[in-house]
PDB file of N, CA and C in Angstrom:
ATOM      1  N   MET A   1      99.317  92.992  73.315  1.00  0.00           N
ATOM      2  CA  MET A   1      98.088  93.198  73.835  1.00  0.00           C
ATOM      3  C   MET A   1      96.675  92.485  72.368  1.00  0.00           C
ATOM      4  N   ILE A   2      96.756  92.741  71.604  1.00  0.00           N
ATOM      5  CA  ILE A   2      96.030  91.857  71.001  1.00  0.00           C
ATOM      6  C   ILE A   2      96.873  90.371  70.461  1.00  0.00           C
ATOM      7  N   ASN A   3      97.766  90.574  69.987  1.00  0.00           N
ATOM      8  CA  ASN A   3      98.078  88.855  70.351  1.00  0.00           C
ATOM      9  C   ASN A   3      97.486  88.272  71.824  1.00  0.00           C
ATOM     10  N   LYS A   4      97.438  88.660  72.474  1.00  0.00           N
ATOM     11  CA  LYS A   4      96.920  88.133  73.951  1.00  0.00           C
ATOM     12  C   LYS A   4      94.934  88.235  73.535  1.00  0.00           C
ATOM     13  N   LEU A   5      94.581  88.778  72.552  1.00  0.00           N
ATOM     14  CA  LEU A   5      93.260  89.079  72.909  1.00  0.00           C
ATOM     15  C   LEU A   5      92.735  87.908  71.750  1.00  0.00           C
ATOM     16  N   VAL A   6      93.845  87.513  71.087  1.00  0.00           N
ATOM     17  CA  VAL A   6      93.841  85.988  69.703  1.00  0.00           C
ATOM     18  C   VAL A   6      93.849  85.028  70.571  1.00  0.00           C
ATOM     19  N   LYS A   7      94.971  84.896  70.996  1.00  0.00           N
ATOM     20  CA  LYS A   7      95.484  84.157  72.039  1.00  0.00           C
ATOM     21  C   LYS A   7      94.072  83.200  72.770  1.00  0.00           C
ATOM     22  N   ASN A   8      93.654  84.191  73.549  1.00  0.00           N
ATOM     23  CA  ASN A   8      92.731  84.018  74.286  1.00  0.00           C
ATOM     24  C   ASN A   8      91.199  83.700  73.257  1.00  0.00           C
ATOM     25  N   THR A   9      91.166  84.371  72.524  1.00  0.00           N
ATOM     26  CA  THR A   9      89.964  83.779  72.084  1.00  0.00           C
ATOM     27  C   THR A   9      89.917  82.694  71.556  1.00  0.00           C
ATOM     28  N   ILE A  10      91.222  82.107  70.840  1.00  0.00           N
ATOM     29  CA  ILE A  10      91.270  80.716  70.018  1.00  0.00           C
ATOM     30  C   ILE A  10      91.273  79.670  71.117  1.00  0.00           C
ATOM     31  N   ASP A  11      91.554  80.299  72.534  1.00  0.00           N
ATOM     32  CA  ASP A  11      91.878  79.247  73.223  1.00  0.00           C
ATOM     33  C   ASP A  11      90.616  78.668  73.348  1.00  0.00           C
ATOM     34  N   SER A  12      89.414  79.517  73.548  1.00  0.00           N
ATOM     35  CA  SER A  12      87.734  79.171  74.039  1.00  0.00           C
ATOM     36  C   SER A  12      87.758  78.637  73.126  1.00  0.00           C
ATOM     37  N   ILE A  13      87.739  79.289  71.679  1.00  0.00           N
ATOM     38  CA  ILE A  13      87.022  78.517  70.717  1.00  0.00           C
ATOM     39  C   ILE A  13      87.288  76.933  70.854  1.00  0.00           C
ATOM     40  N   LEU A  14      88.925  76.808  71.110  1.00  0.00           N
ATOM     41  CA  LEU A  14      89.378  75.223  71.322  1.00  0.00           C
ATOM     42  C   LEU A  14      88.699  74.723  71.917  1.00  0.00           C
ATOM     43  N   ALA A  15      88.381  75.362  73.596  1.00  0.00           N
ATOM     44  CA  ALA A  15      87.795  75.040  74.512  1.00  0.00           C
ATOM     45  C   ALA A  15      86.235  74.077  74.127  1.00  0.00           C
ATOM     46  N   GLU A  16      85.932  75.387  73.547  1.00  0.00           N
ATOM     47  CA  GLU A  16      84.325  74.910  72.591  1.00  0.00           C
ATOM     48  C   GLU A  16      84.453  73.345  71.994  1.00  0.00           C
ATOM     49  N   ILE A  17      84.993  73.560  70.964  1.00  0.00           N
ATOM     50  CA  ILE A  17      85.560  72.304  69.944  1.00  0.00           C
ATOM     51  C   ILE A  17      85.431  71.126  70.845  1.00  0.00           C
ATOM     52  N   GLN A  18      86.147  71.138  72.359  1.00  0.00           N
ATOM     53  CA  GLN A  18      86.288  69.859  72.762  1.00  0.00           C
ATOM     54  C   GLN A  18      85.499  69.358  73.001  1.00  0.00           C
ATOM     55  N   LYS A  19      84.594  70.299  73.502  1.00  0.00           N
ATOM     56  CA  LYS A  19      83.180  69.445  74.693  1.00  0.00           C
ATOM     57  C   LYS A  19      82.424  68.416  73.385  1.00  0.00           C
ATOM     58  N   GLU A  20      82.178  67.224  74.043  1.00  0.00           N
ATOM     59  CA  GLU A  20      81.078  66.175  73.573  1.00  0.00           C
ATOM     60  C   GLU A  20      80.064  66.583  72.464  1.00  0.00           C
ATOM     61  N   GLU A  21      79.475  67.489  73.191  1.00  0.00           N
ATOM     62  CA  GLU A  21      78.124  68.253  72.611  1.00  0.00           C
ATOM     63  C   GLU A  21      78.289  68.663  70.945  1.00  0.00           C
ATOM     64  N   ASN A  22      79.535  69.759  71.142  1.00  0.00           N
ATOM     65  CA  ASN A  22      79.559  70.472  70.045  1.00  0.00           C
ATOM     66  C   ASN A  22      80.694  69.348  69.140  1.00  0.00           C
ATOM     67  N   GLN A  23      80.730  68.640  69.700  1.00  0.00           N
ATOM     68  CA  GLN A  23      81.599  67.975  68.565  1.00  0.00           C
ATOM     69  C   GLN A  23      80.491  67.077  67.936  1.00  0.00           C
ATOM     70  N   ASP A  24      79.624  66.302  68.719  1.00  0.00           N
ATOM     71  CA  ASP A  24      78.870  65.862  67.852  1.00  0.00           C
ATOM     72  C   ASP A  24      77.577  66.749  66.895  1.00  0.00           C
ATOM     73  N   ILE A  25      77.655  68.171  67.381  1.00  0.00           N
ATOM     74  CA  ILE A  25      76.956  68.847  66.722  1.00  0.00           C
ATOM     75  C   ILE A  25      77.528  69.278  65.238  1.00  0.00           C
ATOM     76  N   LEU A  26      78.667  68.596  65.246  1.00  0.00           N
ATOM     77  CA  LEU A  26      79.961  69.571  64.338  1.00  0.00           C
ATOM     78  C   LEU A  26      79.931  67.955  63.259  1.00  0.00           C
ATOM     79  N   LYS A  27      79.992  67.118  64.371  1.00  0.00           N
ATOM     80  CA  LYS A  27      79.451  66.072  62.599  1.00  0.00           C
ATOM     81  C   LYS A  27      78.607  65.732  62.261  1.00  0.00           C
ATOM     82  N   THR A  28      77.706  65.920  62.899  1.00  0.00           N
ATOM     83  CA  THR A  28      76.058  65.504  62.746  1.00  0.00           C
ATOM     84  C   THR A  28      75.754  66.808  61.278  1.00  0.00           C
ATOM     85  N   TYR A  29      76.268  68.017  61.915  1.00  0.00           N
ATOM     86  CA  TYR A  29      75.569  69.017  60.552  1.00  0.00           C
ATOM     87  C   TYR A  29      76.925  69.217  59.894  1.00  0.00           C
ATOM     88  N   VAL A  30      78.316  69.627  59.914  1.00  0.00           N
ATOM     89  CA  VAL A  30      78.819  69.729  59.162  1.00  0.00           C
ATOM     90  C   VAL A  30      79.803  68.759  58.715  1.00  0.00           C
ATOM     91  N   LEU A  31      80.294  67.917  59.510  1.00  0.00           N
ATOM     92  CA  LEU A  31      80.828  66.740  58.556  1.00  0.00           C
ATOM     93  C   LEU A  31      80.141  65.674  57.587  1.00  0.00           C
ATOM     94  N   ASP A  32      78.973  64.833  58.812  1.00  0.00           N
ATOM     95  CA  ASP A  32      78.438  64.344  57.840  1.00  0.00           C
ATOM     96  C   ASP A  32      77.500  64.622  56.438  1.00  0.00           C
ATOM     97  N   THR A  33      76.948  66.248  56.153  1.00  0.00           N
ATOM     98  CA  THR A  33      76.893  66.823  55.524  1.00  0.00           C
ATOM     99  C   THR A  33      77.625  66.718  54.484  1.00  0.00           C
ATOM    100  N   SER A  34      78.628  67.581  54.694  1.00  0.00           N
ATOM    101  CA  SER A  34      79.731  67.795  53.218  1.00  0.00           C
ATOM    102  C   SER A  34      80.206  66.684  53.265  1.00  0.00           C
ATOM    103  N   VAL A  35      80.331  65.262  53.903  1.00  0.00           N
ATOM    104  CA  VAL A  35      80.808  64.131  53.214  1.00  0.00           C
ATOM    105  C   VAL A  35      79.951  63.776  52.289  1.00  0.00           C
ATOM    106  N   CYS A  36      78.710  63.420  52.782  1.00  0.00           N
ATOM    107  CA  CYS A  36      77.212  62.710  51.758  1.00  0.00           C
ATOM    108  C   CYS A  36      77.148  64.300  51.023  1.00  0.00           C
ATOM    109  N   TYR A  37      77.463  65.445  50.491  1.00  0.00           N
ATOM    110  CA  TYR A  37      77.391  65.679  49.238  1.00  0.00           C
ATOM    111  C   TYR A  37      78.032  65.969  48.652  1.00  0.00           C
ATOM    112  N   ILE A  38      78.931  65.380  49.003  1.00  0.00           N
ATOM    113  CA  ILE A  38      81.069  65.296  48.292  1.00  0.00           C
ATOM    114  C   ILE A  38      80.729  63.930  47.473  1.00  0.00           C
ATOM    115  N   LEU A  39      80.532  62.854  48.070  1.00  0.00           N
ATOM    116  CA  LEU A  39      79.664  61.489  47.441  1.00  0.00           C
ATOM    117  C   LEU A  39      79.074  61.494  46.644  1.00  0.00           C
ATOM    118  N   ASP A  40      77.890  62.515  46.939  1.00  0.00           N
ATOM    119  CA  ASP A  40      76.484  62.223  45.607  1.00  0.00           C
ATOM    120  C   ASP A  40      77.010  62.949  44.600  1.00  0.00           C
ATOM    121  N   LYS A  41      77.534  64.018  44.555  1.00  0.00           N
ATOM    122  CA  LYS A  41      78.527  64.770  43.612  1.00  0.00           C
ATOM    123  C   LYS A  41      79.842  63.639  42.905  1.00  0.00           C
ATOM    124  N   LEU A  42      80.510  63.025  43.747  1.00  0.00           N
ATOM    125  CA  LEU A  42      81.522  62.195  42.435  1.00  0.00           C
ATOM    126  C   LEU A  42      81.192  60.477  42.427  1.00  0.00           C
ATOM    127  N   PHE A  43      80.136  60.210  42.552  1.00  0.00           N
ATOM    128  CA  PHE A  43      79.977  59.265  42.703  1.00  0.00           C
ATOM    129  C   PHE A  43      79.405  58.719  40.848  1.00  0.00           C
ATOM    130  N   PRO A  44      78.767  59.271  40.709  1.00  0.00           N
ATOM    131  CA  PRO A  44      79.102  59.151  38.452  1.00  0.00           C
ATOM    132  C   PRO A  44      80.237  58.669  38.140  1.00  0.00           C
ATOM    133  N   TYR A  45      81.004  60.139  38.831  1.00  0.00           N
ATOM    134  CA  TYR A  45      83.080  59.714  38.263  1.00  0.00           C
ATOM    135  C   TYR A  45      83.273  58.513  38.897  1.00  0.00           C
ATOM    136  N   LEU A  46      82.510  58.384  39.916  1.00  0.00           N
ATOM    137  CA  LEU A  46      83.141  56.987  40.360  1.00  0.00           C
ATOM    138  C   LEU A  46      82.765  55.683  39.562  1.00  0.00           C
ATOM    139  N   ILE A  47      81.972  55.623  39.339  1.00  0.00           N
ATOM    140  CA  ILE A  47      81.288  54.610  38.519  1.00  0.00           C
ATOM    141  C   ILE A  47      82.034  54.506  37.112  1.00  0.00           C
ATOM    142  N   ILE A  48      82.104  55.903  36.268  1.00  0.00           N
ATOM    143  CA  ILE A  48      82.869  55.683  34.755  1.00  0.00           C
ATOM    144  C   ILE A  48      84.288  55.288  35.625  1.00  0.00           C
ATOM    145  N   ILE A  49      85.022  55.896  36.552  1.00  0.00           N
ATOM    146  CA  ILE A  49      86.287  54.993  36.407  1.00  0.00           C
ATOM    147  C   ILE A  49      85.969  53.604  36.762  1.00  0.00           C
ATOM    148  N   CYS A  50      85.708  52.648  37.472  1.00  0.00           N
ATOM    149  CA  CYS A  50      85.203  51.377  37.649  1.00  0.00           C
ATOM    150  C   CYS A  50      84.854  51.104  36.233  1.00  0.00           C
ATOM    151  N   ILE A  51      83.836  51.535  35.480  1.00  0.00           N
ATOM    152  CA  ILE A  51      83.795  50.782  33.977  1.00  0.00           C
ATOM    153  C   ILE A  51      85.010  50.733  33.001  1.00  0.00           C
ATOM    154  N   ILE A  52      85.396  52.147  33.307  1.00  0.00           N
ATOM    155  CA  ILE A  52      87.044  52.152  31.967  1.00  0.00           C
ATOM    156  C   ILE A  52      87.775  51.470  32.347  1.00  0.00           C
ATOM    157  N   PHE A  53      88.001  50.989  33.919  1.00  0.00           N
ATOM    158  CA  PHE A  53      89.382  50.224  34.827  1.00  0.00           C
ATOM    159  C   PHE A  53      88.652  48.716  34.398  1.00  0.00           C
ATOM    160  N   ILE A  54      87.629  48.267  34.245  1.00  0.00           N
ATOM    161  CA  ILE A  54      87.414  46.681  34.364  1.00  0.00           C
ATOM    162  C   ILE A  54      87.265  46.947  32.434  1.00  0.00           C
ATOM    163  N   LEU A  55      86.650  47.629  31.529  1.00  0.00           N
ATOM    164  CA  LEU A  55      87.231  47.550  30.102  1.00  0.00           C
ATOM    165  C   LEU A  55      88.612  47.347  29.909  1.00  0.00           C
ATOM    166  N   LEU A  56      89.449  48.105  30.599  1.00  0.00           N
ATOM    167  CA  LEU A  56      90.961  47.844  30.206  1.00  0.00           C
ATOM    168  C   LEU A  56      91.786  46.502  30.253  1.00  0.00           C
ATOM    169  N   VAL A  57      90.963  46.252  31.804  1.00  0.00           N
ATOM    170  CA  VAL A  57      90.962  44.979  31.578  1.00  0.00           C
ATOM    171  C   VAL A  57      91.156  43.854  31.267  1.00  0.00           C
ATOM    172  N   LEU A  58      89.634  44.093  30.580  1.00  0.00           N
ATOM    173  CA  LEU A  58      89.338  43.084  29.415  1.00  0.00           C
ATOM    174  C   LEU A  58      90.017  43.305  27.978  1.00  0.00           C
ATOM    175  N   LEU A  59      90.207  44.654  28.107  1.00  0.00           N
ATOM    176  CA  LEU A  59      90.929  44.606  26.612  1.00  0.00           C
ATOM    177  C   LEU A  59      92.715  44.160  26.914  1.00  0.00           C
ATOM    178  N   MET A  60      93.299  44.047  28.152  1.00  0.00           N
ATOM    179  CA  MET A  60      94.304  43.591  28.229  1.00  0.00           C
ATOM    180  C   MET A  60      94.791  41.811  28.288  1.00  0.00           C
ATOM    181  N   ILE A  61      93.014  41.384  28.898  1.00  0.00           N
ATOM    182  CA  ILE A  61      93.282  40.419  28.505  1.00  0.00           C
ATOM    183  C   ILE A  61      93.258  39.327  27.303  1.00  0.00           C
ATOM    184  N   SER A  62      91.660  40.281  26.514  1.00  0.00           N
ATOM    185  CA  SER A  62      92.173  40.017  25.395  1.00  0.00           C
ATOM    186  C   SER A  62      93.506  39.947  24.135  1.00  0.00           C
ATOM    187  N   ILE A  63      93.729  41.320  24.379  1.00  0.00           N
ATOM    188  CA  ILE A  63      95.291  41.126  23.914  1.00  0.00           C
ATOM    189  C   ILE A  63      96.128  39.931  23.595  1.00  0.00           C
ATOM    190  N   LEU A  64      96.219  39.660  25.401  1.00  0.00           N
ATOM    191  CA  LEU A  64      96.965  38.579  25.976  1.00  0.00           C
ATOM    192  C   LEU A  64      96.918  37.379  24.637  1.00  0.00           C
ATOM    193  N   VAL A  65      95.646  36.874  24.879  1.00  0.00           N
ATOM    194  CA  VAL A  65      95.224  35.944  24.391  1.00  0.00           C
ATOM    195  C   VAL A  65      95.277  36.028  23.013  1.00  0.00           C
ATOM    196  N   LEU A  66      95.011  37.048  22.051  1.00  0.00           N
ATOM    197  CA  LEU A  66      95.797  36.986  21.340  1.00  0.00           C
ATOM    198  C   LEU A  66      96.734  36.704  20.511  1.00  0.00           C
ATOM    199  N   LEU A  67      97.640  37.182  21.843  1.00  0.00           N
ATOM    200  CA  LEU A  67      99.014  37.413  21.185  1.00  0.00           C
ATOM    201  C   LEU A  67      99.515  35.792  21.903  1.00  0.00           C
ATOM    202  N   ILE A  68      99.179  34.816  22.234  1.00  0.00           N
ATOM    203  CA  ILE A  68      99.237  33.969  22.915  1.00  0.00           C
ATOM    204  C   ILE A  68      99.012  33.009  21.904  1.00  0.00           C
ATOM    205  N   ASN A  69      97.784  32.986  21.129  1.00  0.00           N
ATOM    206  CA  ASN A  69      97.245  32.659  19.868  1.00  0.00           C
ATOM    207  C   ASN A  69      98.062  32.745  18.962  1.00  0.00           C
ATOM    208  N   LYS A  70      98.504  33.705  18.937  1.00  0.00           N
ATOM    209  CA  LYS A  70      98.871  33.928  17.564  1.00  0.00           C
ATOM    210  C   LYS A  70     100.980  33.683  17.380  1.00  0.00           C
ATOM    211  N   GLN A  71     101.184  33.552  18.651  1.00  0.00           N
ATOM    212  CA  GLN A  71     102.718  32.587  19.012  1.00  0.00           C
ATOM    213  C   GLN A  71     102.120  31.197  18.692  1.00  0.00           C
ATOM    214  N   THR A  72     101.023  30.682  19.333  1.00  0.00           N
ATOM    215  CA  THR A  72     101.066  29.063  19.328  1.00  0.00           C
ATOM    216  C   THR A  72     100.430  28.800  17.848  1.00  0.00           C
ATOM    217  N   THR A  73     100.227  29.838  16.945  1.00  0.00           N
ATOM    218  CA  THR A  73     100.334  29.066  15.826  1.00  0.00           C
ATOM    219  C   THR A  73     101.416  29.507  14.819  1.00  0.00           C
ATOM    220  N   PHE A  74     102.486  30.311  14.492  1.00  0.00           N
ATOM    221  CA  PHE A  74     103.354  30.476  14.213  1.00  0.00           C
ATOM    222  C   PHE A  74     104.349  29.090  14.692  1.00  0.00           C
ATOM    223  N   ASN A  75     103.926  28.583  15.805  1.00  0.00           N
ATOM    224  CA  ASN A  75     105.170  27.224  16.490  1.00  0.00           C
ATOM    225  C   ASN A  75     104.595  26.193  15.455  1.00  0.00           C
TER     226      ASN A  75
END
């Protein structure tokens, strides 16, 4: 009896979610706001990660240039 009640409740919830107007409401008020909030909180960290990545690439290039220059001076 409880299983049937739970199944009916879940089926009715899923039927309501499948409706286009309810999907639009969920997208607007739940998904969009959640994504915007998460991106606002993560944006400074993404900028820092990009800066660190660029610095690492520059460091690798400078080390490579130094190694090439050092090798050519020994020959």
